[in-house]
N, C-alpha and C. Protein backbone atom coordinates (compact mmCIF):
# COMPACT_ATOMS: atom_id res chain seq x y z
N MET A 1 70.19 56.21 262.71
CA MET A 1 71.45 56.77 263.14
C MET A 1 71.59 56.54 264.63
N LEU A 2 72.71 56.01 265.02
CA LEU A 2 72.96 55.71 266.43
C LEU A 2 73.57 56.92 267.11
N ILE A 3 72.97 57.32 268.22
CA ILE A 3 73.44 58.49 268.98
C ILE A 3 73.60 58.08 270.44
N ARG A 4 74.77 58.40 270.98
CA ARG A 4 75.02 58.14 272.40
C ARG A 4 74.74 59.41 273.18
N SER A 5 74.05 59.27 274.29
CA SER A 5 73.67 60.43 275.10
C SER A 5 74.87 61.13 275.71
N LYS A 6 74.66 62.36 276.09
CA LYS A 6 75.72 63.18 276.68
C LYS A 6 76.27 62.54 277.95
N ASP A 7 75.42 61.90 278.74
CA ASP A 7 75.87 61.26 279.98
C ASP A 7 76.44 59.85 279.75
N LYS A 8 76.46 59.42 278.48
CA LYS A 8 77.04 58.13 278.06
C LYS A 8 76.25 56.92 278.56
N LYS A 9 75.02 57.10 279.04
CA LYS A 9 74.26 56.01 279.63
C LYS A 9 73.32 55.32 278.66
N LYS A 10 73.11 55.88 277.46
CA LYS A 10 72.20 55.24 276.51
C LYS A 10 72.63 55.51 275.08
N ILE A 11 72.29 54.57 274.22
CA ILE A 11 72.48 54.71 272.78
C ILE A 11 71.11 54.49 272.16
N VAL A 12 70.69 55.41 271.30
CA VAL A 12 69.38 55.37 270.68
C VAL A 12 69.54 55.29 269.17
N ASP A 13 68.75 54.43 268.54
CA ASP A 13 68.70 54.37 267.07
C ASP A 13 67.64 55.38 266.64
N ALA A 14 68.08 56.61 266.43
CA ALA A 14 67.16 57.74 266.22
C ALA A 14 66.67 57.84 264.78
N LEU A 15 65.41 58.19 264.65
CA LEU A 15 64.82 58.51 263.35
C LEU A 15 64.87 60.01 263.10
N HIS A 16 64.77 60.79 264.16
CA HIS A 16 64.86 62.24 264.04
C HIS A 16 65.39 62.81 265.35
N VAL A 17 65.94 64.00 265.25
CA VAL A 17 66.54 64.68 266.41
C VAL A 17 66.05 66.12 266.38
N TYR A 18 65.74 66.67 267.54
CA TYR A 18 65.28 68.06 267.59
C TYR A 18 65.65 68.70 268.92
N VAL A 19 65.59 70.03 268.95
CA VAL A 19 65.89 70.82 270.14
C VAL A 19 64.57 71.34 270.70
N SER A 20 64.43 71.24 272.01
CA SER A 20 63.25 71.76 272.68
C SER A 20 63.65 72.25 274.06
N ASN A 21 62.75 72.95 274.72
CA ASN A 21 63.05 73.39 276.08
C ASN A 21 62.10 72.72 277.06
N GLU A 22 62.52 72.67 278.31
CA GLU A 22 61.67 72.16 279.37
C GLU A 22 60.77 73.31 279.83
N VAL A 23 59.52 73.04 280.11
CA VAL A 23 58.60 74.08 280.55
C VAL A 23 59.15 74.76 281.80
N GLY A 24 59.25 76.07 281.76
CA GLY A 24 59.73 76.84 282.90
C GLY A 24 61.24 76.89 283.04
N SER A 25 61.96 76.39 282.06
CA SER A 25 63.43 76.36 282.13
C SER A 25 64.01 77.05 280.91
N LYS A 26 65.17 77.65 281.07
CA LYS A 26 65.86 78.28 279.94
C LYS A 26 66.79 77.29 279.24
N ARG A 27 67.05 76.15 279.89
CA ARG A 27 67.94 75.16 279.28
C ARG A 27 67.27 74.51 278.08
N LYS A 28 68.10 74.07 277.14
CA LYS A 28 67.60 73.42 275.94
C LYS A 28 68.00 71.96 275.94
N TYR A 29 67.12 71.12 275.45
CA TYR A 29 67.34 69.69 275.42
C TYR A 29 67.44 69.22 273.98
N VAL A 30 68.32 68.27 273.72
CA VAL A 30 68.35 67.60 272.44
C VAL A 30 67.59 66.30 272.63
N PHE A 31 66.51 66.12 271.87
CA PHE A 31 65.70 64.91 271.94
C PHE A 31 65.93 64.07 270.69
N ALA A 32 65.86 62.76 270.85
CA ALA A 32 65.93 61.83 269.73
C ALA A 32 64.65 61.01 269.71
N GLY A 33 63.99 60.95 268.56
CA GLY A 33 62.81 60.13 268.40
C GLY A 33 63.20 58.82 267.74
N PHE A 34 62.53 57.73 268.12
CA PHE A 34 62.89 56.42 267.58
C PHE A 34 61.64 55.60 267.29
N ALA A 35 61.81 54.50 266.56
CA ALA A 35 60.70 53.64 266.14
C ALA A 35 60.20 52.81 267.31
N GLY A 36 58.99 52.31 267.16
CA GLY A 36 58.40 51.45 268.18
C GLY A 36 57.19 52.12 268.80
N ARG A 37 56.43 51.32 269.52
CA ARG A 37 55.22 51.84 270.15
C ARG A 37 55.22 51.50 271.63
N SER A 38 54.66 52.38 272.38
CA SER A 38 54.54 52.16 273.81
C SER A 38 53.25 52.82 274.27
N PHE A 39 52.46 52.12 275.04
CA PHE A 39 51.19 52.66 275.51
C PHE A 39 51.38 53.80 276.49
N PHE A 40 52.38 53.68 277.35
CA PHE A 40 52.57 54.66 278.42
C PHE A 40 53.62 55.72 278.14
N HIS A 41 54.46 55.51 277.17
CA HIS A 41 55.59 56.42 276.95
C HIS A 41 55.64 56.92 275.51
N THR A 42 56.19 58.09 275.33
CA THR A 42 56.46 58.57 273.98
C THR A 42 57.74 57.91 273.50
N ASN A 43 57.92 57.85 272.24
CA ASN A 43 59.10 57.22 271.66
C ASN A 43 60.17 58.27 271.40
N GLU A 44 60.61 58.89 272.46
CA GLU A 44 61.69 59.85 272.37
C GLU A 44 62.44 59.87 273.69
N GLU A 45 63.69 60.25 273.60
CA GLU A 45 64.57 60.29 274.76
C GLU A 45 65.28 61.63 274.79
N SER A 46 65.49 62.15 275.98
CA SER A 46 66.36 63.31 276.14
C SER A 46 67.79 62.80 276.05
N MET A 47 68.55 63.36 275.14
CA MET A 47 69.92 62.88 274.91
C MET A 47 70.97 63.81 275.49
N GLY A 48 70.60 65.04 275.80
CA GLY A 48 71.55 65.98 276.36
C GLY A 48 70.87 67.29 276.74
N VAL A 49 71.44 67.98 277.72
CA VAL A 49 70.91 69.26 278.18
C VAL A 49 72.00 70.31 277.98
N TYR A 50 71.61 71.45 277.42
CA TYR A 50 72.56 72.52 277.11
C TYR A 50 72.02 73.84 277.64
N GLU A 51 72.92 74.75 277.96
CA GLU A 51 72.54 76.03 278.57
C GLU A 51 71.86 76.98 277.60
N SER A 52 72.11 76.82 276.30
CA SER A 52 71.51 77.74 275.33
C SER A 52 71.05 76.97 274.10
N GLU A 53 70.15 77.59 273.36
CA GLU A 53 69.68 76.99 272.13
C GLU A 53 70.84 76.85 271.14
N GLN A 54 71.73 77.83 271.10
CA GLN A 54 72.86 77.77 270.18
C GLN A 54 73.75 76.57 270.47
N GLU A 55 74.01 76.28 271.75
CA GLU A 55 74.81 75.11 272.11
C GLU A 55 74.14 73.83 271.62
N ALA A 56 72.83 73.72 271.80
CA ALA A 56 72.10 72.54 271.35
C ALA A 56 72.13 72.43 269.83
N LEU A 57 71.95 73.54 269.13
CA LEU A 57 72.00 73.53 267.67
C LEU A 57 73.39 73.18 267.16
N ASP A 58 74.42 73.64 267.86
CA ASP A 58 75.79 73.28 267.48
C ASP A 58 75.98 71.76 267.53
N GLN A 59 75.39 71.11 268.54
CA GLN A 59 75.49 69.66 268.63
C GLN A 59 74.79 68.98 267.45
N ILE A 60 73.63 69.50 267.07
CA ILE A 60 72.91 68.92 265.93
C ILE A 60 73.70 69.14 264.64
N ASN A 61 74.33 70.29 264.49
CA ASN A 61 75.16 70.54 263.30
C ASN A 61 76.36 69.60 263.26
N LYS A 62 77.01 69.38 264.40
CA LYS A 62 78.13 68.44 264.46
C LYS A 62 77.67 67.03 264.12
N MET A 63 76.47 66.69 264.58
CA MET A 63 75.90 65.38 264.31
C MET A 63 75.68 65.20 262.81
N ALA A 64 75.13 66.21 262.16
CA ALA A 64 74.88 66.14 260.72
C ALA A 64 76.20 65.98 259.96
N ASP A 65 77.21 66.74 260.33
CA ASP A 65 78.52 66.62 259.68
C ASP A 65 79.10 65.22 259.89
N PHE A 66 78.97 64.69 261.10
CA PHE A 66 79.49 63.36 261.41
C PHE A 66 78.83 62.30 260.52
N PHE A 67 77.50 62.31 260.43
CA PHE A 67 76.80 61.28 259.66
C PHE A 67 76.98 61.45 258.16
N ASN A 68 77.26 62.66 257.68
CA ASN A 68 77.57 62.84 256.26
C ASN A 68 78.84 62.09 255.88
N GLY A 69 79.81 62.05 256.78
CA GLY A 69 81.07 61.37 256.50
C GLY A 69 81.15 59.96 257.02
N ASN A 70 80.22 59.55 257.88
CA ASN A 70 80.30 58.26 258.53
C ASN A 70 78.88 57.76 258.83
N PRO A 71 78.12 57.36 257.81
CA PRO A 71 76.71 57.04 258.01
C PRO A 71 76.44 55.85 258.93
N ASN A 72 77.41 55.00 259.16
CA ASN A 72 77.20 53.82 260.01
C ASN A 72 77.83 53.97 261.39
N GLY A 73 78.28 55.16 261.73
CA GLY A 73 78.95 55.37 263.02
C GLY A 73 77.97 55.64 264.15
N VAL A 74 78.53 55.81 265.34
CA VAL A 74 77.76 56.19 266.53
C VAL A 74 78.23 57.57 266.95
N TYR A 75 77.35 58.56 266.89
CA TYR A 75 77.71 59.91 267.29
C TYR A 75 77.55 60.04 268.80
N GLU A 76 78.55 60.62 269.46
CA GLU A 76 78.49 60.83 270.90
C GLU A 76 78.32 62.32 271.18
N LEU A 77 77.22 62.67 271.84
CA LEU A 77 76.99 64.07 272.20
C LEU A 77 78.06 64.55 273.17
N GLU A 78 78.46 65.80 273.01
CA GLU A 78 79.48 66.40 273.88
C GLU A 78 78.81 67.18 274.99
């Protein structure tokens, strides 16, 4: 599934998407994991930062609804 980041600077072919927080921060991040290997980096990208967990989960819910109706589209985070 193709997902465009909130800042519009990257598109990731994601295998999975999840919400997490940054250590010491109350903000929530939407991360996308993707295929491939890298010795120095994890295969995930921060796709957007939200003020609350609910905001981040709302984005994931919108993403799921979008791909249910348009499996070949590119979802753009808001």
